[in-house]
C-alpha atoms as a PDB file:
ATOM      1  CA  UNK A   1     -44.469 182.284 160.513  1.00  0.00           C
ATOM      2  CA  UNK A   2     -46.274 184.863 162.656  1.00  0.00           C
ATOM      3  CA  UNK A   3     -50.017 184.666 163.092  1.00  0.00           C
ATOM      4  CA  UNK A   4     -52.186 187.350 161.456  1.00  0.00           C
ATOM      5  CA  UNK A   5     -53.090 188.644 164.934  1.00  0.00           C
ATOM      6  CA  UNK A   6     -49.387 189.363 165.612  1.00  0.00           C
ATOM      7  CA  UNK A   7     -48.926 191.514 162.507  1.00  0.00           C
ATOM      8  CA  UNK A   8     -48.883 195.293 163.139  1.00  0.00           C
ATOM      9  CA  UNK A   9     -52.122 197.010 162.177  1.00  0.00           C
ATOM     10  CA  UNK A  10     -50.376 200.311 161.415  1.00  0.00           C
ATOM     11  CA  UNK A  11     -46.802 201.408 160.709  1.00  0.00           C
ATOM     12  CA  UNK A  12     -44.653 204.377 159.775  1.00  0.00           C
ATOM     13  CA  UNK A  13     -43.374 204.374 156.193  1.00  0.00           C
ATOM     14  CA  UNK A  14     -41.378 207.204 154.607  1.00  0.00           C
ATOM     15  CA  UNK A  15     -43.031 210.101 156.459  1.00  0.00           C
ATOM     16  CA  UNK A  16     -46.515 208.626 156.390  1.00  0.00           C
ATOM     17  CA  UNK A  17     -48.741 206.293 158.407  1.00  0.00           C
ATOM     18  CA  UNK A  18     -49.799 203.135 156.575  1.00  0.00           C
ATOM     19  CA  UNK A  19     -52.736 201.041 157.758  1.00  0.00           C
ATOM     20  CA  UNK A  20     -55.656 198.974 156.496  1.00  0.00           C
ATOM     21  CA  UNK A  21     -58.737 200.997 155.609  1.00  0.00           C
ATOM     22  CA  UNK A  22     -61.306 199.364 157.888  1.00  0.00           C
ATOM     23  CA  UNK A  23     -64.181 200.857 155.879  1.00  0.00           C
ATOM     24  CA  UNK A  24     -63.290 198.568 152.955  1.00  0.00           C
ATOM     25  CA  UNK A  25     -63.193 195.283 154.889  1.00  0.00           C
ATOM     26  CA  UNK A  26     -64.152 192.490 154.557  1.00  0.00           C
ATOM     27  CA  UNK A  27     -64.505 192.675 150.770  1.00  0.00           C
ATOM     28  CA  UNK A  28     -61.378 194.676 149.967  1.00  0.00           C
ATOM     29  CA  UNK A  29     -57.983 194.725 151.651  1.00  0.00           C
ATOM     30  CA  UNK A  30     -57.130 198.361 150.911  1.00  0.00           C
ATOM     31  CA  UNK A  31     -54.081 200.094 152.317  1.00  0.00           C
ATOM     32  CA  UNK A  32     -54.508 203.664 153.496  1.00  0.00           C
ATOM     33  CA  UNK A  33     -51.613 206.124 153.458  1.00  0.00           C
ATOM     34  CA  UNK A  34     -51.934 209.110 155.799  1.00  0.00           C
ATOM     35  CA  UNK A  35     -49.509 211.917 154.926  1.00  0.00           C
ATOM     36  CA  UNK A  36     -50.890 214.811 156.987  1.00  0.00           C
ATOM     37  CA  UNK A  37     -52.602 215.500 160.297  1.00  0.00           C
ATOM     38  CA  UNK A  38     -55.792 216.253 158.368  1.00  0.00           C
ATOM     39  CA  UNK A  39     -55.553 212.781 156.798  1.00  0.00           C
ATOM     40  CA  UNK A  40     -55.249 211.227 160.266  1.00  0.00           C
ATOM     41  CA  UNK A  41     -58.221 213.178 161.631  1.00  0.00           C
ATOM     42  CA  UNK A  42     -60.368 212.187 158.647  1.00  0.00           C
ATOM     43  CA  UNK A  43     -59.353 208.531 159.015  1.00  0.00           C
ATOM     44  CA  UNK A  44     -60.265 208.556 162.713  1.00  0.00           C
ATOM     45  CA  UNK A  45     -63.584 210.399 162.360  1.00  0.00           C
ATOM     46  CA  UNK A  46     -64.731 208.228 159.432  1.00  0.00           C
ATOM     47  CA  UNK A  47     -63.652 205.016 161.234  1.00  0.00           C
ATOM     48  CA  UNK A  48     -61.112 204.071 158.585  1.00  0.00           C
ATOM     49  CA  UNK A  49     -58.925 203.777 161.696  1.00  0.00           C
ATOM     50  CA  UNK A  50     -60.865 202.709 164.786  1.00  0.00           C
ATOM     51  CA  UNK A  51     -60.537 200.912 168.109  1.00  0.00           C
ATOM     52  CA  UNK A  52     -59.383 202.856 171.160  1.00  0.00           C
ATOM     53  CA  UNK A  53     -55.746 201.622 171.243  1.00  0.00           C
ATOM     54  CA  UNK A  54     -55.390 201.945 167.471  1.00  0.00           C
ATOM     55  CA  UNK A  55     -56.679 205.518 167.273  1.00  0.00           C
ATOM     56  CA  UNK A  56     -54.367 206.418 170.137  1.00  0.00           C
ATOM     57  CA  UNK A  57     -51.377 205.105 168.199  1.00  0.00           C
ATOM     58  CA  UNK A  58     -52.532 206.862 165.033  1.00  0.00           C
ATOM     59  CA  UNK A  59     -52.875 210.076 167.051  1.00  0.00           C
ATOM     60  CA  UNK A  60     -49.333 209.749 168.401  1.00  0.00           C
ATOM     61  CA  UNK A  61     -47.969 209.267 164.898  1.00  0.00           C
ATOM     62  CA  UNK A  62     -50.104 212.208 163.805  1.00  0.00           C
ATOM     63  CA  UNK A  63     -48.157 214.326 166.293  1.00  0.00           C
ATOM     64  CA  UNK A  64     -44.964 213.091 164.594  1.00  0.00           C
ATOM     65  CA  UNK A  65     -46.343 214.140 161.189  1.00  0.00           C
ATOM     66  CA  UNK A  66     -47.044 217.596 162.603  1.00  0.00           C
ATOM     67  CA  UNK A  67     -43.626 217.819 164.265  1.00  0.00           C
ATOM     68  CA  UNK A  68     -41.852 217.084 160.983  1.00  0.00           C
ATOM     69  CA  UNK A  69     -44.079 219.579 159.167  1.00  0.00           C
ATOM     70  CA  UNK A  70     -43.558 222.434 161.643  1.00  0.00           C
ATOM     71  CA  UNK A  71     -40.362 221.787 163.606  1.00  0.00           C
ATOM     72  CA  UNK A  72     -37.867 220.316 161.142  1.00  0.00           C
ATOM     73  CA  UNK A  73     -34.604 222.264 160.553  1.00  0.00           C
ATOM     74  CA  UNK A  74     -35.049 225.149 158.135  1.00  0.00           C
ATOM     75  CA  UNK A  75     -38.822 225.367 158.556  1.00  0.00           C
ATOM     76  CA  UNK A  76     -40.135 228.698 159.794  1.00  0.00           C
ATOM     77  CA  UNK A  77     -43.572 229.470 161.176  1.00  0.00           C
ATOM     78  CA  UNK A  78     -45.576 228.399 164.187  1.00  0.00           C
ATOM     79  CA  UNK A  79     -43.247 225.605 165.290  1.00  0.00           C
ATOM     80  CA  UNK A  80     -44.229 223.954 168.548  1.00  0.00           C
ATOM     81  CA  UNK A  81     -47.338 226.108 168.887  1.00  0.00           C
ATOM     82  CA  UNK A  82     -48.629 224.716 165.572  1.00  0.00           C
ATOM     83  CA  UNK A  83     -47.932 221.151 166.714  1.00  0.00           C
ATOM     84  CA  UNK A  84     -49.867 221.727 169.938  1.00  0.00           C
ATOM     85  CA  UNK A  85     -52.795 223.069 167.899  1.00  0.00           C
ATOM     86  CA  UNK A  86     -52.709 219.959 165.705  1.00  0.00           C
ATOM     87  CA  UNK A  87     -52.596 217.808 168.835  1.00  0.00           C
ATOM     88  CA  UNK A  88     -55.776 219.431 170.152  1.00  0.00           C
ATOM     89  CA  UNK A  89     -57.513 218.712 166.846  1.00  0.00           C
ATOM     90  CA  UNK A  90     -56.400 215.099 166.968  1.00  0.00           C
ATOM     91  CA  UNK A  91     -57.743 214.630 170.504  1.00  0.00           C
ATOM     92  CA  UNK A  92     -61.078 216.194 169.513  1.00  0.00           C
ATOM     93  CA  UNK A  93     -61.512 213.749 166.611  1.00  0.00           C
ATOM     94  CA  UNK A  94     -63.140 211.168 168.927  1.00  0.00           C
ATOM     95  CA  UNK A  95     -63.690 212.425 172.473  1.00  0.00           C
ATOM     96  CA  UNK A  96     -64.813 209.261 174.299  1.00  0.00           C
ATOM     97  CA  UNK A  97     -61.735 207.025 173.909  1.00  0.00           C
ATOM     98  CA  UNK A  98     -59.208 208.178 176.497  1.00  0.00           C
ATOM     99  CA  UNK A  99     -56.379 206.318 174.727  1.00  0.00           C
ATOM    100  CA  UNK A 100     -56.310 209.033 172.058  1.00  0.00           C
ATOM    101  CA  UNK A 101     -55.594 211.891 174.471  1.00  0.00           C
ATOM    102  CA  UNK A 102     -53.152 209.712 176.452  1.00  0.00           C
ATOM    103  CA  UNK A 103     -51.091 208.776 173.391  1.00  0.00           C
ATOM    104  CA  UNK A 104     -51.103 212.274 171.892  1.00  0.00           C
ATOM    105  CA  UNK A 105     -49.947 213.790 175.199  1.00  0.00           C
ATOM    106  CA  UNK A 106     -47.191 211.211 175.528  1.00  0.00           C
ATOM    107  CA  UNK A 107     -45.891 211.942 172.017  1.00  0.00           C
ATOM    108  CA  UNK A 108     -46.054 215.699 172.695  1.00  0.00           C
ATOM    109  CA  UNK A 109     -43.808 215.135 175.697  1.00  0.00           C
ATOM    110  CA  UNK A 110     -40.894 214.536 173.304  1.00  0.00           C
ATOM    111  CA  UNK A 111     -41.535 217.548 171.085  1.00  0.00           C
ATOM    112  CA  UNK A 112     -38.860 219.714 172.726  1.00  0.00           C
ATOM    113  CA  UNK A 113     -36.236 217.120 171.777  1.00  0.00           C
ATOM    114  CA  UNK A 114     -36.878 216.755 168.033  1.00  0.00           C
ATOM    115  CA  UNK A 115     -39.364 215.408 165.491  1.00  0.00           C
ATOM    116  CA  UNK A 116     -37.301 212.207 165.429  1.00  0.00           C
ATOM    117  CA  UNK A 117     -37.816 211.855 169.186  1.00  0.00           C
ATOM    118  CA  UNK A 118     -41.583 212.268 168.763  1.00  0.00           C
ATOM    119  CA  UNK A 119     -41.613 209.549 166.123  1.00  0.00           C
ATOM    120  CA  UNK A 120     -39.444 207.284 168.289  1.00  0.00           C
ATOM    121  CA  UNK A 121     -41.952 207.673 171.134  1.00  0.00           C
ATOM    122  CA  UNK A 122     -44.885 206.916 168.843  1.00  0.00           C
ATOM    123  CA  UNK A 123     -43.279 203.814 167.348  1.00  0.00           C
ATOM    124  CA  UNK A 124     -42.229 202.649 170.827  1.00  0.00           C
ATOM    125  CA  UNK A 125     -45.919 202.789 171.794  1.00  0.00           C
ATOM    126  CA  UNK A 126     -46.725 200.378 168.950  1.00  0.00           C
ATOM    127  CA  UNK A 127     -44.206 197.841 170.273  1.00  0.00           C
ATOM    128  CA  UNK A 128     -45.441 198.383 173.833  1.00  0.00           C
ATOM    129  CA  UNK A 129     -49.059 197.880 172.810  1.00  0.00           C
ATOM    130  CA  UNK A 130     -48.238 194.507 171.274  1.00  0.00           C
ATOM    131  CA  UNK A 131     -46.442 193.414 174.455  1.00  0.00           C
ATOM    132  CA  UNK A 132     -49.172 194.797 176.716  1.00  0.00           C
ATOM    133  CA  UNK A 133     -51.841 192.961 174.759  1.00  0.00           C
ATOM    134  CA  UNK A 134     -50.021 189.640 175.093  1.00  0.00           C
ATOM    135  CA  UNK A 135     -49.802 190.112 178.885  1.00  0.00           C
ATOM    136  CA  UNK A 136     -53.434 191.200 179.092  1.00  0.00           C
ATOM    137  CA  UNK A 137     -54.671 188.264 177.020  1.00  0.00           C
ATOM    138  CA  UNK A 138     -52.814 185.814 179.278  1.00  0.00           C
ATOM    139  CA  UNK A 139     -54.556 187.320 182.335  1.00  0.00           C
ATOM    140  CA  UNK A 140     -57.920 187.317 180.536  1.00  0.00           C
ATOM    141  CA  UNK A 141     -57.639 183.665 179.509  1.00  0.00           C
ATOM    142  CA  UNK A 142     -57.114 182.798 183.168  1.00  0.00           C
ATOM    143  CA  UNK A 143     -60.020 185.054 184.210  1.00  0.00           C
ATOM    144  CA  UNK A 144     -62.314 183.175 181.831  1.00  0.00           C
ATOM    145  CA  UNK A 145     -61.035 179.806 183.058  1.00  0.00           C
ATOM    146  CA  UNK A 146     -61.685 180.825 186.671  1.00  0.00           C
ATOM    147  CA  UNK A 147     -65.296 181.838 185.976  1.00  0.00           C
ATOM    148  CA  UNK A 148     -66.567 179.468 183.286  1.00  0.00           C
ATOM    149  CA  UNK A 149     -67.298 175.753 182.899  1.00  0.00           C
ATOM    150  CA  UNK A 150     -64.261 173.561 182.248  1.00  0.00           C
ATOM    151  CA  UNK A 151     -65.208 172.625 178.697  1.00  0.00           C
ATOM    152  CA  UNK A 152     -65.071 174.244 175.251  1.00  0.00           C
ATOM    153  CA  UNK A 153     -67.050 177.471 175.551  1.00  0.00           C
ATOM    154  CA  UNK A 154     -69.723 179.384 173.655  1.00  0.00           C
ATOM    155  CA  UNK A 155     -68.561 183.011 173.717  1.00  0.00           C
ATOM    156  CA  UNK A 156     -70.258 186.243 172.713  1.00  0.00           C
ATOM    157  CA  UNK A 157     -68.475 189.448 171.773  1.00  0.00           C
ATOM    158  CA  UNK A 158     -69.473 192.923 170.604  1.00  0.00           C
ATOM    159  CA  UNK A 159     -67.895 195.327 168.109  1.00  0.00           C
ATOM    160  CA  UNK A 160     -64.269 194.613 167.102  1.00  0.00           C
ATOM    161  CA  UNK A 161     -61.455 194.237 169.608  1.00  0.00           C
ATOM    162  CA  UNK A 162     -58.852 192.337 167.619  1.00  0.00           C
ATOM    163  CA  UNK A 163     -55.647 193.362 165.911  1.00  0.00           C
ATOM    164  CA  UNK A 164     -57.554 195.873 163.770  1.00  0.00           C
ATOM    165  CA  UNK A 165     -58.445 197.802 166.937  1.00  0.00           C
ATOM    166  CA  UNK A 166     -54.934 197.656 168.445  1.00  0.00           C
ATOM    167  CA  UNK A 167     -51.322 197.538 167.317  1.00  0.00           C
ATOM    168  CA  UNK A 168     -51.566 193.736 167.236  1.00  0.00           C
ATOM    169  CA  UNK A 169     -52.998 190.733 169.138  1.00  0.00           C
ATOM    170  CA  UNK A 170     -56.163 192.493 170.346  1.00  0.00           C
ATOM    171  CA  UNK A 171     -57.975 192.744 173.679  1.00  0.00           C
ATOM    172  CA  UNK A 172     -61.262 190.808 174.052  1.00  0.00           C
ATOM    173  CA  UNK A 173     -60.975 189.244 170.602  1.00  0.00           C
ATOM    174  CA  UNK A 174     -57.309 188.497 171.267  1.00  0.00           C
ATOM    175  CA  UNK A 175     -58.487 186.570 174.335  1.00  0.00           C
ATOM    176  CA  UNK A 176     -61.030 184.652 172.257  1.00  0.00           C
ATOM    177  CA  UNK A 177     -58.363 183.729 169.701  1.00  0.00           C
ATOM    178  CA  UNK A 178     -56.019 182.545 172.468  1.00  0.00           C
ATOM    179  CA  UNK A 179     -58.790 180.417 173.977  1.00  0.00           C
ATOM    180  CA  UNK A 180     -59.542 178.987 170.528  1.00  0.00           C
ATOM    181  CA  UNK A 181     -55.846 178.161 169.998  1.00  0.00           C
ATOM    182  CA  UNK A 182     -56.008 176.178 173.250  1.00  0.00           C
ATOM    183  CA  UNK A 183     -59.026 174.224 172.030  1.00  0.00           C
ATOM    184  CA  UNK A 184     -61.367 175.904 174.520  1.00  0.00           C
ATOM    185  CA  UNK A 185     -63.900 177.469 172.141  1.00  0.00           C
ATOM    186  CA  UNK A 186     -66.865 175.716 170.541  1.00  0.00           C
ATOM    187  CA  UNK A 187     -68.314 178.789 168.859  1.00  0.00           C
ATOM    188  CA  UNK A 188     -68.263 182.572 168.966  1.00  0.00           C
ATOM    189  CA  UNK A 189     -71.429 184.614 168.548  1.00  0.00           C
ATOM    190  CA  UNK A 190     -70.472 187.932 166.957  1.00  0.00           C
ATOM    191  CA  UNK A 191     -72.855 190.818 167.530  1.00  0.00           C
ATOM    192  CA  UNK A 192     -73.234 192.557 164.183  1.00  0.00           C
ATOM    193  CA  UNK A 193     -72.824 195.889 166.063  1.00  0.00           C
ATOM    194  CA  UNK A 194     -75.200 198.378 164.529  1.00  0.00           C
ATOM    195  CA  UNK A 195     -75.103 200.797 162.882  1.00  0.00           C
ATOM    196  CA  UNK A 196     -71.696 200.346 161.180  1.00  0.00           C
ATOM    197  CA  UNK A 197     -71.383 196.570 161.576  1.00  0.00           C
ATOM    198  CA  UNK A 198     -67.904 196.404 163.080  1.00  0.00           C
ATOM    199  CA  UNK A 199     -68.745 192.934 164.366  1.00  0.00           C
ATOM    200  CA  UNK A 200     -70.235 191.571 161.159  1.00  0.00           C
ATOM    201  CA  UNK A 201     -67.576 193.134 158.942  1.00  0.00           C
ATOM    202  CA  UNK A 202     -64.402 193.096 161.033  1.00  0.00           C
ATOM    203  CA  UNK A 203     -64.667 190.609 163.908  1.00  0.00           C
ATOM    204  CA  UNK A 204     -66.162 187.953 161.644  1.00  0.00           C
ATOM    205  CA  UNK A 205     -63.307 188.613 159.192  1.00  0.00           C
ATOM    206  CA  UNK A 206     -60.661 188.171 161.902  1.00  0.00           C
ATOM    207  CA  UNK A 207     -62.291 184.991 163.215  1.00  0.00           C
ATOM    208  CA  UNK A 208     -62.590 183.553 159.702  1.00  0.00           C
ATOM    209  CA  UNK A 209     -58.941 184.411 159.065  1.00  0.00           C
ATOM    210  CA  UNK A 210     -58.027 182.470 162.216  1.00  0.00           C
ATOM    211  CA  UNK A 211     -60.335 179.544 161.415  1.00  0.00           C
ATOM    212  CA  UNK A 212     -62.476 179.957 164.565  1.00  0.00           C
ATOM    213  CA  UNK A 213     -66.113 178.717 164.341  1.00  0.00           C
ATOM    214  CA  UNK A 214     -68.476 181.667 164.588  1.00  0.00           C
ATOM    215  CA  UNK A 215     -71.913 183.017 163.705  1.00  0.00           C
ATOM    216  CA  UNK A 216     -73.031 186.617 163.322  1.00  0.00           C
ATOM    217  CA  UNK A 217     -75.753 187.535 165.808  1.00  0.00           C
ATOM    218  CA  UNK A 218     -78.257 190.343 165.300  1.00  0.00           C
ATOM    219  CA  UNK A 219     -77.644 192.748 168.206  1.00  0.00           C
ATOM    220  CA  UNK A 220     -81.217 192.432 169.412  1.00  0.00           C
ATOM    221  CA  UNK A 221     -80.947 188.609 169.461  1.00  0.00           C
ATOM    222  CA  UNK A 222     -78.083 188.465 171.972  1.00  0.00           C
ATOM    223  CA  UNK A 223     -80.331 188.305 175.041  1.00  0.00           C
ATOM    224  CA  UNK A 224     -82.382 185.545 173.420  1.00  0.00           C
ATOM    225  CA  UNK A 225     -79.175 183.592 172.716  1.00  0.00           C
ATOM    226  CA  UNK A 226     -78.316 183.833 176.406  1.00  0.00           C
ATOM    227  CA  UNK A 227     -81.767 182.603 177.393  1.00  0.00           C
ATOM    228  CA  UNK A 228     -81.336 179.595 175.101  1.00  0.00           C
ATOM    229  CA  UNK A 229     -78.052 178.586 176.760  1.00  0.00           C
ATOM    230  CA  UNK A 230     -75.910 179.554 173.758  1.00  0.00           C
ATOM    231  CA  UNK A 231     -73.539 181.805 175.719  1.00  0.00           C
ATOM    232  CA  UNK A 232     -71.134 180.846 178.517  1.00  0.00           C
ATOM    233  CA  UNK A 233     -69.299 184.179 178.732  1.00  0.00           C
ATOM    234  CA  UNK A 234     -69.425 187.684 177.235  1.00  0.00           C
ATOM    235  CA  UNK A 235     -66.097 189.328 176.360  1.00  0.00           C
ATOM    236  CA  UNK A 236     -65.877 193.001 175.334  1.00  0.00           C
ATOM    237  CA  UNK A 237     -63.344 195.811 175.179  1.00  0.00           C
ATOM    238  CA  UNK A 238     -63.489 199.389 176.504  1.00  0.00           C
ATOM    239  CA  UNK A 239     -62.877 202.934 175.342  1.00  0.00           C
ATOM    240  CA  UNK A 240     -62.754 204.551 178.800  1.00  0.00           C
ATOM    241  CA  UNK A 241     -62.900 203.129 182.327  1.00  0.00           C
ATOM    242  CA  UNK A 242     -63.532 205.284 185.392  1.00  0.00           C
ATOM    243  CA  UNK A 243     -61.823 204.962 188.763  1.00  0.00           C
ATOM    244  CA  UNK A 244     -64.628 202.826 190.180  1.00  0.00           C
ATOM    245  CA  UNK A 245     -64.851 200.589 187.114  1.00  0.00           C
ATOM    246  CA  UNK A 246     -67.700 202.048 185.060  1.00  0.00           C
ATOM    247  CA  UNK A 247     -66.958 201.258 181.409  1.00  0.00           C
ATOM    248  CA  UNK A 248     -67.703 203.184 178.220  1.00  0.00           C
ATOM    249  CA  UNK A 249     -67.743 200.907 175.198  1.00  0.00           C
ATOM    250  CA  UNK A 250     -69.467 200.566 171.830  1.00  0.00           C
ATOM    251  CA  UNK A 251     -73.195 201.246 171.954  1.00  0.00           C
ATOM    252  CA  UNK A 252     -75.057 198.067 172.847  1.00  0.00           C
ATOM    253  CA  UNK A 253     -72.591 196.936 175.511  1.00  0.00           C
ATOM    254  CA  UNK A 254     -74.784 198.107 178.401  1.00  0.00           C
ATOM    255  CA  UNK A 255     -77.721 196.037 177.180  1.00  0.00           C
ATOM    256  CA  UNK A 256     -75.494 192.971 176.907  1.00  0.00           C
ATOM    257  CA  UNK A 257     -74.319 193.473 180.491  1.00  0.00           C
ATOM    258  CA  UNK A 258     -77.898 193.690 181.774  1.00  0.00           C
ATOM    259  CA  UNK A 259     -78.851 190.518 179.906  1.00  0.00           C
ATOM    260  CA  UNK A 260     -75.727 188.685 181.097  1.00  0.00           C
ATOM    261  CA  UNK A 261     -76.409 189.651 184.726  1.00  0.00           C
ATOM    262  CA  UNK A 262     -80.011 188.449 184.430  1.00  0.00           C
ATOM    263  CA  UNK A 263     -78.865 185.058 183.105  1.00  0.00           C
ATOM    264  CA  UNK A 264     -75.912 184.677 185.504  1.00  0.00           C
ATOM    265  CA  UNK A 265     -73.336 184.787 182.688  1.00  0.00           C
ATOM    266  CA  UNK A 266     -69.832 186.200 183.316  1.00  0.00           C
ATOM    267  CA  UNK A 267     -69.340 189.604 181.673  1.00  0.00           C
ATOM    268  CA  UNK A 268     -65.629 190.336 181.264  1.00  0.00           C
ATOM    269  CA  UNK A 269     -64.044 193.555 179.979  1.00  0.00           C
ATOM    270  CA  UNK A 270     -60.538 193.314 178.501  1.00  0.00           C
ATOM    271  CA  UNK A 271     -58.722 196.641 178.072  1.00  0.00           C
ATOM    272  CA  UNK A 272     -55.234 198.092 178.660  1.00  0.00           C
ATOM    273  CA  UNK A 273     -54.239 200.405 181.486  1.00  0.00           C
ATOM    274  CA  UNK A 274     -54.269 203.271 178.958  1.00  0.00           C
ATOM    275  CA  UNK A 275     -58.070 202.930 178.777  1.00  0.00           C
ATOM    276  CA  UNK A 276     -58.452 203.877 182.458  1.00  0.00           C
ATOM    277  CA  UNK A 277     -59.351 207.473 183.297  1.00  0.00           C
ATOM    278  CA  UNK A 278     -59.051 207.676 187.064  1.00  0.00           C
ATOM    279  CA  UNK A 279     -59.773 211.398 186.999  1.00  0.00           C
ATOM    280  CA  UNK A 280     -63.409 210.335 186.578  1.00  0.00           C
ATOM    281  CA  UNK A 281     -65.237 208.412 189.288  1.00  0.00           C
ATOM    282  CA  UNK A 282     -68.732 208.232 187.817  1.00  0.00           C
ATOM    283  CA  UNK A 283     -69.451 206.898 184.336  1.00  0.00           C
ATOM    284  CA  UNK A 284     -72.087 209.582 183.900  1.00  0.00           C
ATOM    285  CA  UNK A 285     -69.228 212.084 183.556  1.00  0.00           C
ATOM    286  CA  UNK A 286     -67.874 210.391 180.406  1.00  0.00           C
ATOM    287  CA  UNK A 287     -68.429 212.471 177.265  1.00  0.00           C
ATOM    288  CA  UNK A 288     -70.356 210.274 174.816  1.00  0.00           C
ATOM    289  CA  UNK A 289     -69.789 210.953 171.145  1.00  0.00           C
ATOM    290  CA  UNK A 290     -72.990 211.250 169.112  1.00  0.00           C
ATOM    291  CA  UNK A 291     -72.503 210.551 165.438  1.00  0.00           C
ATOM    292  CA  UNK A 292     -74.287 211.648 162.267  1.00  0.00           C
ATOM    293  CA  UNK A 293     -77.896 210.550 161.786  1.00  0.00           C
ATOM    294  CA  UNK A 294     -77.030 209.295 158.278  1.00  0.00           C
ATOM    295  CA  UNK A 295     -75.347 206.262 159.857  1.00  0.00           C
ATOM    296  CA  UNK A 296     -78.754 205.168 161.160  1.00  0.00           C
ATOM    297  CA  UNK A 297     -81.182 206.493 158.567  1.00  0.00           C
ATOM    298  CA  UNK A 298     -79.404 204.738 155.703  1.00  0.00           C
ATOM    299  CA  UNK A 299     -76.676 202.248 154.866  1.00  0.00           C
ATOM    300  CA  UNK A 300     -74.294 201.959 151.947  1.00  0.00           C
ATOM    301  CA  UNK A 301     -75.687 205.126 150.415  1.00  0.00           C
ATOM    302  CA  UNK A 302     -79.257 203.795 150.452  1.00  0.00           C
ATOM    303  CA  UNK A 303     -81.845 205.551 152.624  1.00  0.00           C
ATOM    304  CA  UNK A 304     -83.780 203.123 154.825  1.00  0.00           C
ATOM    305  CA  UNK A 305     -86.061 205.583 156.653  1.00  0.00           C
ATOM    306  CA  UNK A 306     -88.557 208.216 155.483  1.00  0.00           C
ATOM    307  CA  UNK A 307     -86.990 211.542 154.602  1.00  0.00           C
ATOM    308  CA  UNK A 308     -86.773 213.883 157.547  1.00  0.00           C
ATOM    309  CA  UNK A 309     -86.453 211.069 160.088  1.00  0.00           C
ATOM    310  CA  UNK A 310     -84.184 212.048 162.958  1.00  0.00           C
ATOM    311  CA  UNK A 311     -81.913 209.611 164.790  1.00  0.00           C
ATOM    312  CA  UNK A 312     -80.486 208.974 168.229  1.00  0.00           C
ATOM    313  CA  UNK A 313     -76.975 207.737 167.380  1.00  0.00           C
ATOM    314  CA  UNK A 314     -74.590 207.629 170.357  1.00  0.00           C
ATOM    315  CA  UNK A 315     -71.367 205.818 169.502  1.00  0.00           C
ATOM    316  CA  UNK A 316     -70.969 204.461 173.049  1.00  0.00           C
ATOM    317  CA  UNK A 317     -72.848 203.639 176.224  1.00  0.00           C
ATOM    318  CA  UNK A 318     -71.700 203.255 179.826  1.00  0.00           C
ATOM    319  CA  UNK A 319     -71.914 199.995 181.758  1.00  0.00           C
ATOM    320  CA  UNK A 320     -71.794 200.446 185.566  1.00  0.00           C
ATOM    321  CA  UNK A 321     -69.216 198.464 187.529  1.00  0.00           C
ATOM    322  CA  UNK A 322     -71.996 196.601 189.340  1.00  0.00           C
ATOM    323  CA  UNK A 323     -72.814 194.698 186.120  1.00  0.00           C
ATOM    324  CA  UNK A 324     -69.215 193.745 185.315  1.00  0.00           C
ATOM    325  CA  UNK A 325     -67.773 190.444 186.504  1.00  0.00           C
ATOM    326  CA  UNK A 326     -64.155 191.446 185.923  1.00  0.00           C
ATOM    327  CA  UNK A 327     -62.022 194.024 184.138  1.00  0.00           C
ATOM    328  CA  UNK A 328     -58.704 192.662 182.887  1.00  0.00           C
ATOM    329  CA  UNK A 329     -55.640 194.721 181.969  1.00  0.00           C
ATOM    330  CA  UNK A 330     -51.962 193.914 181.553  1.00  0.00           C
ATOM    331  CA  UNK A 331     -51.659 194.269 185.343  1.00  0.00           C
ATOM    332  CA  UNK A 332     -54.141 191.531 186.175  1.00  0.00           C
ATOM    333  CA  UNK A 333     -57.816 191.213 187.060  1.00  0.00           C
ATOM    334  CA  UNK A 334     -59.608 194.309 188.313  1.00  0.00           C
ATOM    335  CA  UNK A 335     -63.058 194.866 189.619  1.00  0.00           C
ATOM    336  CA  UNK A 336     -63.740 198.475 190.406  1.00  0.00           C
ATOM    337  CA  UNK A 337     -60.675 199.808 192.205  1.00  0.00           C
ATOM    338  CA  UNK A 338     -59.473 196.393 193.437  1.00  0.00           C
ATOM    339  CA  UNK A 339     -56.711 194.499 191.670  1.00  0.00           C
ATOM    340  CA  UNK A 340     -55.865 190.836 191.935  1.00  0.00           C
ATOM    341  CA  UNK A 341     -52.556 190.276 190.103  1.00  0.00           C
END
């Protein structure tokens, strides 16, 4: 029997994309069926589908939906021009994660062949992502072993980087699960990840599903946990990585990196090659998505601040390469532009 982490997080089913609605977890396991490009864009912008690799795959399949709608035999109208317009809307849905633009462009590359070819490319990316993640996790497990004490470890992670954020297996959380399978994890501290609680809702759910000991950690308590000797290594994912190794990831990652550097704790980023954007050298050039103030001024439909309160709500921050111990992809261990396979 396959492990939950090996099960695909999204699939094509009878001209639609089917995936778990991540807004409903952990209390409800609700399937979401996306029949149109507008459905895909809404799912991505509302974080029903989230995680850089996962939104890239959803975007690629969104191109297939558009291709069938506009370029199937007997259909008249805008054709390829309409598909390209839909592709631009998909890419704009979340501008920071480079995987989305990469996957959409790759699917568009098959548009001249046929809608079936676009779908074949998109579904091939799902299979590739699963294989890539297995390779990456193997490298990351070794990277942790090379940099951490040779005993069961106390790990800290931020946001959600498991199978929900990828096609399957996961990146940083996939590494944690592999280490746990090998008996090398004592406990995982899971940053709750304000304001939408991807850690508390999703990562804790995946760890519980796998039977890995864990505790949810208030974001602002992570540095204190490090000072108390509760953390041997920090493992996170990435949404975009520049040529020199600056990393954009979920807001709060930068603060973790500063705290880890202060306490001499390894800070390891696990992300696929598709998360690299070597057209950018400096992390300051990464476009950071700023989300609606309602995500901060209230929760679950209940206002938690005085009316009229404004909010600073960036979805991501940028951690400079100087604070990162290692970046791991399917190709091996990177730091900045250097690779050690």
